[in-house]
Amino acid sequence: MPTRLVLSGHSAGGDAVFHIASQLVSSEVPNTPRLTGLVQLDPVRGIDASVTDDALAILAATDLPIEVVATPASLCNNFGSGVADTRRYLTGRYLGIEPTTGSHADALDTGDATVAAAAGLLCGRITAGNVALTREFATAWIRDDLTGGATPEFRPGRADYDALSAAGVLRTVTGM
């Protein structure tokens, strides 16, 4: 059994991950892996907003790394509700990135043209560049959370990260 665990969720799955993580950090269950991070892909607040609020209040009191790939507000991400909640509770923290032309469906990377077209109509156009950016950052953050590292290329202050920001490819997401 692994000794370290990173949870990741996309869309409404992000809300579920917040809840599960809050339960893991607030209880001591014997013989379970230690939760070492969350990597959220455009999380969306669930129908019962109190679940999200309660979970984020618990997580805010920890030093658990919580990284987010956000996308511009749209119908598909409930107008950025999950990311807005995360920013509100995790004040002052570096949280992650928002590809400026991102789509809520970028994390899906569907190879099916029909599904991609439908997702594009509802959620914004999926682009190879945003899919790659999402995958690169999420993978690096998961690796960092599992190993206790912090790969500088995927954090502000590093030339390649700052160049992407200056070129308008991504925005930095921080807690308010």
Foldseek 3Di string as FASTA:
>chain_A
DDQEDEEEAAECRQLVVLLVVLVPVVDDDPPDHHYQAYEYELYAQDPPNVSSLVSLLSVLVDPRQAAYAHEQAFVRRVGSHNLLSNLASNDPFFHAKYFDQDWSCLCVPDPDPVVQVVSCVGTNHHDPVSNVVSVVLSVQVVVCSSVVHDPVCRDPPDVNVVVCVVVSRIDTRHRD
